[in-house]
Amino acid sequence: MTTRQRPGDLGAEDARRQLQGAGREIRGVRRGLGLSIAAAARRAGISDSQFGRIERGELRRPSADQVFRAARAVGLEPVLRLYPAGPRVHDKAQLATLARFERLLAPPLRMRREVPIPRPGDLRAWDGRMSDGSRNVSIEAEAKLWDAQATERRIALKSRDDPDAGPVILVLNKTSHNRRILVEHREALRARFPLDGAAISRALRSGALPQVGGIILV
């Protein structure tokens, strides 16, 4: 029977794999430049032995500072980017928000949870998708909205990459914090999410999908 790995263990594996790959790339570029390890290490401000071990992937826990210094020493610009690795982790408040929203749906509407983006190798997923049998509307839920612009950008990228997404409804937990953020940013989000909660609720309770996207607090 296979044992499911903890996220922390997966993160440790990610670190080892990516740092070993970075070391190999640094070594290849250094050799192509004709730089010795000693010369590159001086440019990096680290010891010869550290530099060599970074290249060979022998440091058990190299720091980002060490690896980034080594990369810059050979003319490489290190970039750290983080990508979704599967469905988002939902807390209880977010799951409760989705459940309250789902109770607004009247027949023939139905909703599925965790709908993947239909691209090979893409691990992102929508929190939900409503359908009336012919049209789709995708759902993103937030228990606590921190960065409205970042949320909008994330949704825009998912919509771009999913031809079946349809309009998107941003479902927010009805809290004073989310109300305040929404008051501050509502008009900036209007182009992508034109409908407000009352219009969305009326459509869903009547068994109809909204024609455009919107934002609702539940």
C-alpha atoms as a PDB file:
ATOM      1  CA  MET A   1       0.000   0.000   0.000  1.00  0.00           C
ATOM      2  CA  THR A   2       1.426   3.409  -0.969  1.00  0.00           C
ATOM      3  CA  THR A   3       1.961   6.048   1.692  1.00  0.00           C
ATOM      4  CA  ARG A   4       0.738   9.539   0.917  1.00  0.00           C
ATOM      5  CA  GLN A   5       3.543  12.081   1.242  1.00  0.00           C
ATOM      6  CA  ARG A   6       3.045  15.136   3.385  1.00  0.00           C
ATOM      7  CA  PRO A   7       3.254  18.550   1.649  1.00  0.00           C
ATOM      8  CA  GLY A   8       6.404  19.310   3.644  1.00  0.00           C
ATOM      9  CA  ASP A   9       8.101  16.161   2.357  1.00  0.00           C
ATOM     10  CA  LEU A  10       7.117  17.039  -1.206  1.00  0.00           C
ATOM     11  CA  GLY A  11       8.564  20.512  -0.670  1.00  0.00           C
ATOM     12  CA  ALA A  12      11.863  19.020   0.499  1.00  0.00           C
ATOM     13  CA  GLU A  13      11.995  16.880  -2.645  1.00  0.00           C
ATOM     14  CA  ASP A  14      11.227  19.944  -4.780  1.00  0.00           C
ATOM     15  CA  ALA A  15      14.114  21.795  -3.136  1.00  0.00           C
ATOM     16  CA  ARG A  16      16.602  18.975  -3.708  1.00  0.00           C
ATOM     17  CA  ARG A  17      15.577  18.469  -7.318  1.00  0.00           C
ATOM     18  CA  GLN A  18      15.574  22.139  -8.295  1.00  0.00           C
ATOM     19  CA  LEU A  19      18.781  23.017  -6.461  1.00  0.00           C
ATOM     20  CA  GLN A  20      20.595  20.095  -8.081  1.00  0.00           C
ATOM     21  CA  GLY A  21      19.378  21.295 -11.468  1.00  0.00           C
ATOM     22  CA  ALA A  22      20.535  24.837 -10.682  1.00  0.00           C
ATOM     23  CA  GLY A  23      23.963  23.503  -9.689  1.00  0.00           C
ATOM     24  CA  ARG A  24      24.349  21.640 -12.971  1.00  0.00           C
ATOM     25  CA  GLU A  25      23.360  24.763 -14.916  1.00  0.00           C
ATOM     26  CA  ILE A  26      25.801  26.945 -12.969  1.00  0.00           C
ATOM     27  CA  ARG A  27      28.606  24.452 -13.606  1.00  0.00           C
ATOM     28  CA  GLY A  28      27.885  24.295 -17.329  1.00  0.00           C
ATOM     29  CA  VAL A  29      27.864  28.080 -17.696  1.00  0.00           C
ATOM     30  CA  ARG A  30      31.006  28.485 -15.566  1.00  0.00           C
ATOM     31  CA  ARG A  31      32.904  25.980 -17.684  1.00  0.00           C
ATOM     32  CA  GLY A  32      31.691  27.653 -20.856  1.00  0.00           C
ATOM     33  CA  LEU A  33      33.086  30.960 -19.580  1.00  0.00           C
ATOM     34  CA  GLY A  34      36.409  29.356 -18.745  1.00  0.00           C
ATOM     35  CA  LEU A  35      36.126  30.346 -15.083  1.00  0.00           C
ATOM     36  CA  SER A  36      37.733  28.244 -12.406  1.00  0.00           C
ATOM     37  CA  ILE A  37      35.754  27.329  -9.296  1.00  0.00           C
ATOM     38  CA  ALA A  38      38.094  29.551  -7.281  1.00  0.00           C
ATOM     39  CA  ALA A  39      37.484  32.549  -9.527  1.00  0.00           C
ATOM     40  CA  ALA A  40      33.711  32.030  -9.560  1.00  0.00           C
ATOM     41  CA  ALA A  41      33.656  31.575  -5.792  1.00  0.00           C
ATOM     42  CA  ARG A  42      35.497  34.885  -5.308  1.00  0.00           C
ATOM     43  CA  ARG A  43      32.929  36.619  -7.500  1.00  0.00           C
ATOM     44  CA  ALA A  44      30.141  34.990  -5.469  1.00  0.00           C
ATOM     45  CA  GLY A  45      31.695  35.830  -2.110  1.00  0.00           C
ATOM     46  CA  ILE A  46      31.580  32.237  -0.904  1.00  0.00           C
ATOM     47  CA  SER A  47      34.264  29.605  -0.354  1.00  0.00           C
ATOM     48  CA  ASP A  48      35.664  27.417  -3.128  1.00  0.00           C
ATOM     49  CA  SER A  49      34.363  24.322  -1.368  1.00  0.00           C
ATOM     50  CA  GLN A  50      30.854  25.748  -1.037  1.00  0.00           C
ATOM     51  CA  PHE A  51      30.768  26.705  -4.707  1.00  0.00           C
ATOM     52  CA  GLY A  52      31.921  23.268  -5.800  1.00  0.00           C
ATOM     53  CA  ARG A  53      29.387  21.523  -3.591  1.00  0.00           C
ATOM     54  CA  ILE A  54      26.596  23.730  -4.971  1.00  0.00           C
ATOM     55  CA  GLU A  55      27.561  22.718  -8.503  1.00  0.00           C
ATOM     56  CA  ARG A  56      27.641  19.040  -7.580  1.00  0.00           C
ATOM     57  CA  GLY A  57      24.421  19.175  -5.545  1.00  0.00           C
ATOM     58  CA  GLU A  58      26.264  18.025  -2.451  1.00  0.00           C
ATOM     59  CA  LEU A  59      25.115  20.661   0.037  1.00  0.00           C
ATOM     60  CA  ARG A  60      22.438  19.018   2.160  1.00  0.00           C
ATOM     61  CA  ARG A  61      20.528  22.236   2.729  1.00  0.00           C
ATOM     62  CA  PRO A  62      21.972  25.025   0.587  1.00  0.00           C
ATOM     63  CA  SER A  63      20.465  28.423   1.262  1.00  0.00           C
ATOM     64  CA  ALA A  64      18.853  30.525  -1.432  1.00  0.00           C
ATOM     65  CA  ASP A  65      21.540  33.140  -0.704  1.00  0.00           C
ATOM     66  CA  GLN A  66      24.331  30.691  -1.557  1.00  0.00           C
ATOM     67  CA  VAL A  67      22.732  29.424  -4.756  1.00  0.00           C
ATOM     68  CA  PHE A  68      21.726  32.892  -5.947  1.00  0.00           C
ATOM     69  CA  ARG A  69      25.255  34.207  -5.298  1.00  0.00           C
ATOM     70  CA  ALA A  70      26.719  31.337  -7.323  1.00  0.00           C
ATOM     71  CA  ALA A  71      24.291  31.972 -10.166  1.00  0.00           C
ATOM     72  CA  ARG A  72      25.094  35.680 -10.326  1.00  0.00           C
ATOM     73  CA  ALA A  73      28.807  34.906 -10.283  1.00  0.00           C
ATOM     74  CA  VAL A  74      28.499  33.251 -13.711  1.00  0.00           C
ATOM     75  CA  GLY A  75      26.069  35.776 -15.152  1.00  0.00           C
ATOM     76  CA  LEU A  76      22.797  33.965 -14.461  1.00  0.00           C
ATOM     77  CA  GLU A  77      19.818  35.786 -12.969  1.00  0.00           C
ATOM     78  CA  PRO A  78      17.998  33.501 -10.516  1.00  0.00           C
ATOM     79  CA  VAL A  79      14.198  33.711 -10.518  1.00  0.00           C
ATOM     80  CA  LEU A  80      11.918  32.052  -7.987  1.00  0.00           C
ATOM     81  CA  ARG A  81       8.347  31.469  -9.161  1.00  0.00           C
ATOM     82  CA  LEU A  82       5.610  29.508  -7.460  1.00  0.00           C
ATOM     83  CA  TYR A  83       2.883  27.652  -9.365  1.00  0.00           C
ATOM     84  CA  PRO A  84      -0.301  25.932  -8.194  1.00  0.00           C
ATOM     85  CA  ALA A  85       0.279  22.221  -7.594  1.00  0.00           C
ATOM     86  CA  GLY A  86      -3.216  20.830  -7.685  1.00  0.00           C
ATOM     87  CA  PRO A  87      -6.489  22.002  -6.161  1.00  0.00           C
ATOM     88  CA  ARG A  88      -6.211  24.806  -3.662  1.00  0.00           C
ATOM     89  CA  VAL A  89      -6.186  23.937   0.012  1.00  0.00           C
ATOM     90  CA  HIS A  90      -9.585  24.884   1.433  1.00  0.00           C
ATOM     91  CA  ASP A  91     -10.174  25.851   5.026  1.00  0.00           C
ATOM     92  CA  LYS A  92     -13.459  25.268   6.858  1.00  0.00           C
ATOM     93  CA  ALA A  93     -14.675  28.810   6.237  1.00  0.00           C
ATOM     94  CA  GLN A  94     -14.094  28.505   2.499  1.00  0.00           C
ATOM     95  CA  LEU A  95     -15.880  25.160   2.305  1.00  0.00           C
ATOM     96  CA  ALA A  96     -18.787  26.599   4.313  1.00  0.00           C
ATOM     97  CA  THR A  97     -18.931  29.573   1.919  1.00  0.00           C
ATOM     98  CA  LEU A  98     -19.166  27.223  -1.068  1.00  0.00           C
ATOM     99  CA  ALA A  99     -21.885  25.198   0.677  1.00  0.00           C
ATOM    100  CA  ARG A 100     -23.982  28.301   1.384  1.00  0.00           C
ATOM    101  CA  PHE A 101     -23.602  29.420  -2.201  1.00  0.00           C
ATOM    102  CA  GLU A 102     -24.615  26.014  -3.523  1.00  0.00           C
ATOM    103  CA  ARG A 103     -27.863  26.206  -1.563  1.00  0.00           C
ATOM    104  CA  LEU A 104     -28.905  29.166  -3.741  1.00  0.00           C
ATOM    105  CA  LEU A 105     -29.127  26.935  -6.821  1.00  0.00           C
ATOM    106  CA  ALA A 106     -32.554  25.869  -8.017  1.00  0.00           C
ATOM    107  CA  PRO A 107     -33.226  23.142 -10.627  1.00  0.00           C
ATOM    108  CA  PRO A 108     -32.088  22.533 -13.295  1.00  0.00           C
ATOM    109  CA  LEU A 109     -28.833  24.074 -12.037  1.00  0.00           C
ATOM    110  CA  ARG A 110     -26.202  21.819 -10.512  1.00  0.00           C
ATOM    111  CA  MET A 111     -22.672  22.406  -9.321  1.00  0.00           C
ATOM    112  CA  ARG A 112     -19.524  20.287  -9.350  1.00  0.00           C
ATOM    113  CA  ARG A 113     -16.558  20.940  -7.061  1.00  0.00           C
ATOM    114  CA  GLU A 114     -12.875  21.055  -8.035  1.00  0.00           C
ATOM    115  CA  VAL A 115     -13.145  21.206 -11.827  1.00  0.00           C
ATOM    116  CA  PRO A 116      -9.653  20.920 -13.394  1.00  0.00           C
ATOM    117  CA  ILE A 117      -8.314  23.196 -16.104  1.00  0.00           C
ATOM    118  CA  PRO A 118      -8.411  21.018 -19.276  1.00  0.00           C
ATOM    119  CA  ARG A 119      -4.753  21.376 -20.263  1.00  0.00           C
ATOM    120  CA  PRO A 120      -2.166  18.585 -20.137  1.00  0.00           C
ATOM    121  CA  GLY A 121       0.000  18.993 -17.066  1.00  0.00           C
ATOM    122  CA  ASP A 122      -2.022  21.925 -15.673  1.00  0.00           C
ATOM    123  CA  LEU A 123      -2.820  21.219 -12.017  1.00  0.00           C
ATOM    124  CA  ARG A 124      -5.104  24.189 -11.429  1.00  0.00           C
ATOM    125  CA  ALA A 125      -8.803  23.740 -10.791  1.00  0.00           C
ATOM    126  CA  TRP A 126     -11.897  25.879 -10.360  1.00  0.00           C
ATOM    127  CA  ASP A 127     -13.486  25.697  -6.929  1.00  0.00           C
ATOM    128  CA  GLY A 128     -16.768  24.863  -8.633  1.00  0.00           C
ATOM    129  CA  ARG A 129     -18.674  24.900 -11.895  1.00  0.00           C
ATOM    130  CA  MET A 130     -22.400  25.407 -12.400  1.00  0.00           C
ATOM    131  CA  SER A 131     -24.242  24.078 -15.424  1.00  0.00           C
ATOM    132  CA  ASP A 132     -27.785  24.234 -16.737  1.00  0.00           C
ATOM    133  CA  GLY A 133     -27.106  21.451 -19.228  1.00  0.00           C
ATOM    134  CA  SER A 134     -25.921  23.729 -22.017  1.00  0.00           C
ATOM    135  CA  ARG A 135     -23.934  26.580 -20.437  1.00  0.00           C
ATOM    136  CA  ASN A 136     -21.250  26.770 -17.767  1.00  0.00           C
ATOM    137  CA  VAL A 137     -20.408  29.312 -15.098  1.00  0.00           C
ATOM    138  CA  SER A 138     -17.225  28.798 -13.059  1.00  0.00           C
ATOM    139  CA  ILE A 139     -16.847  29.548  -9.348  1.00  0.00           C
ATOM    140  CA  GLU A 140     -13.958  30.841  -7.261  1.00  0.00           C
ATOM    141  CA  ALA A 141     -14.513  31.097  -3.501  1.00  0.00           C
ATOM    142  CA  GLU A 142     -12.572  33.141  -0.949  1.00  0.00           C
ATOM    143  CA  ALA A 143     -13.101  32.958   2.796  1.00  0.00           C
ATOM    144  CA  LYS A 144     -10.919  36.046   3.304  1.00  0.00           C
ATOM    145  CA  LEU A 145     -10.053  38.305   0.397  1.00  0.00           C
ATOM    146  CA  TRP A 146      -6.623  39.881   0.852  1.00  0.00           C
ATOM    147  CA  ASP A 147      -5.510  41.084  -2.564  1.00  0.00           C
ATOM    148  CA  ALA A 148      -8.381  41.824  -4.928  1.00  0.00           C
ATOM    149  CA  GLN A 149      -6.125  42.536  -7.907  1.00  0.00           C
ATOM    150  CA  ALA A 150      -4.130  39.313  -7.435  1.00  0.00           C
ATOM    151  CA  THR A 151      -7.373  37.337  -7.203  1.00  0.00           C
ATOM    152  CA  GLU A 152      -8.627  38.933 -10.397  1.00  0.00           C
ATOM    153  CA  ARG A 153      -5.364  38.133 -12.201  1.00  0.00           C
ATOM    154  CA  ARG A 154      -5.497  34.505 -11.064  1.00  0.00           C
ATOM    155  CA  ILE A 155      -9.062  34.173 -12.340  1.00  0.00           C
ATOM    156  CA  ALA A 156      -8.201  35.908 -15.621  1.00  0.00           C
ATOM    157  CA  LEU A 157      -5.376  33.416 -16.287  1.00  0.00           C
ATOM    158  CA  LYS A 158      -7.592  30.445 -15.516  1.00  0.00           C
ATOM    159  CA  SER A 159     -10.337  31.806 -17.784  1.00  0.00           C
ATOM    160  CA  ARG A 160      -7.804  32.322 -20.553  1.00  0.00           C
ATOM    161  CA  ASP A 161      -6.599  28.729 -20.277  1.00  0.00           C
ATOM    162  CA  ASP A 162     -10.010  27.075 -19.933  1.00  0.00           C
ATOM    163  CA  PRO A 163     -12.268  27.386 -22.994  1.00  0.00           C
ATOM    164  CA  ASP A 164     -15.129  25.821 -21.017  1.00  0.00           C
ATOM    165  CA  ALA A 165     -14.981  28.255 -18.104  1.00  0.00           C
ATOM    166  CA  GLY A 166     -17.802  30.575 -19.129  1.00  0.00           C
ATOM    167  CA  PRO A 167     -18.448  33.614 -16.912  1.00  0.00           C
ATOM    168  CA  VAL A 168     -16.911  33.497 -13.439  1.00  0.00           C
ATOM    169  CA  ILE A 169     -18.630  34.196 -10.124  1.00  0.00           C
ATOM    170  CA  LEU A 170     -16.376  35.247  -7.245  1.00  0.00           C
ATOM    171  CA  VAL A 171     -18.011  33.973  -4.041  1.00  0.00           C
ATOM    172  CA  LEU A 172     -16.940  35.697  -0.833  1.00  0.00           C
ATOM    173  CA  ASN A 173     -17.602  34.840   2.778  1.00  0.00           C
ATOM    174  CA  LYS A 174     -19.949  37.487   4.184  1.00  0.00           C
ATOM    175  CA  THR A 175     -17.625  39.108   6.719  1.00  0.00           C
ATOM    176  CA  SER A 176     -16.925  42.720   7.658  1.00  0.00           C
ATOM    177  CA  HIS A 177     -13.391  42.327   6.303  1.00  0.00           C
ATOM    178  CA  ASN A 178     -14.581  41.162   2.877  1.00  0.00           C
ATOM    179  CA  ARG A 179     -17.260  43.874   2.773  1.00  0.00           C
ATOM    180  CA  ARG A 180     -14.619  46.516   3.428  1.00  0.00           C
ATOM    181  CA  ILE A 181     -12.248  45.151   0.744  1.00  0.00           C
ATOM    182  CA  LEU A 182     -15.114  44.933  -1.720  1.00  0.00           C
ATOM    183  CA  VAL A 183     -16.186  48.535  -1.054  1.00  0.00           C
ATOM    184  CA  GLU A 184     -12.623  49.689  -1.717  1.00  0.00           C
ATOM    185  CA  HIS A 185     -12.125  47.687  -4.926  1.00  0.00           C
ATOM    186  CA  ARG A 186     -15.572  46.972  -6.363  1.00  0.00           C
ATOM    187  CA  GLU A 187     -15.448  49.414  -9.263  1.00  0.00           C
ATOM    188  CA  ALA A 188     -11.936  48.320 -10.268  1.00  0.00           C
ATOM    189  CA  LEU A 189     -13.298  44.766 -10.548  1.00  0.00           C
ATOM    190  CA  ARG A 190     -16.480  45.773 -12.354  1.00  0.00           C
ATOM    191  CA  ALA A 191     -15.271  45.028 -15.896  1.00  0.00           C
ATOM    192  CA  ARG A 192     -14.621  41.345 -15.156  1.00  0.00           C
ATOM    193  CA  PHE A 193     -17.354  40.929 -12.536  1.00  0.00           C
ATOM    194  CA  PRO A 194     -20.222  43.244 -13.573  1.00  0.00           C
ATOM    195  CA  LEU A 195     -23.037  41.600 -11.575  1.00  0.00           C
ATOM    196  CA  ASP A 196     -23.611  42.240  -7.883  1.00  0.00           C
ATOM    197  CA  GLY A 197     -24.877  39.710  -5.382  1.00  0.00           C
ATOM    198  CA  ALA A 198     -28.595  40.504  -5.579  1.00  0.00           C
ATOM    199  CA  ALA A 199     -28.742  39.938  -9.341  1.00  0.00           C
ATOM    200  CA  ILE A 200     -26.739  36.710  -9.049  1.00  0.00           C
ATOM    201  CA  SER A 201     -28.962  35.403  -6.267  1.00  0.00           C
ATOM    202  CA  ARG A 202     -32.172  36.152  -8.201  1.00  0.00           C
ATOM    203  CA  ALA A 203     -30.908  34.301 -11.260  1.00  0.00           C
ATOM    204  CA  LEU A 204     -29.790  31.226  -9.321  1.00  0.00           C
ATOM    205  CA  ARG A 205     -32.968  30.982  -7.231  1.00  0.00           C
ATOM    206  CA  SER A 206     -34.965  31.044 -10.450  1.00  0.00           C
ATOM    207  CA  GLY A 207     -32.872  28.205 -11.912  1.00  0.00           C
ATOM    208  CA  ALA A 208     -31.031  30.403 -14.406  1.00  0.00           C
ATOM    209  CA  LEU A 209     -27.316  30.941 -14.899  1.00  0.00           C
ATOM    210  CA  PRO A 210     -26.064  34.541 -14.892  1.00  0.00           C
ATOM    211  CA  GLN A 211     -25.141  35.725 -18.361  1.00  0.00           C
ATOM    212  CA  VAL A 212     -21.996  37.467 -17.122  1.00  0.00           C
ATOM    213  CA  GLY A 213     -19.647  37.206 -14.173  1.00  0.00           C
ATOM    214  CA  GLY A 214     -20.083  38.845 -10.821  1.00  0.00           C
ATOM    215  CA  ILE A 215     -19.321  38.938  -7.101  1.00  0.00           C
ATOM    216  CA  ILE A 216     -21.551  37.686  -4.321  1.00  0.00           C
ATOM    217  CA  LEU A 217     -21.223  37.637  -0.538  1.00  0.00           C
ATOM    218  CA  VAL A 218     -22.869  34.656   1.146  1.00  0.00           C
END
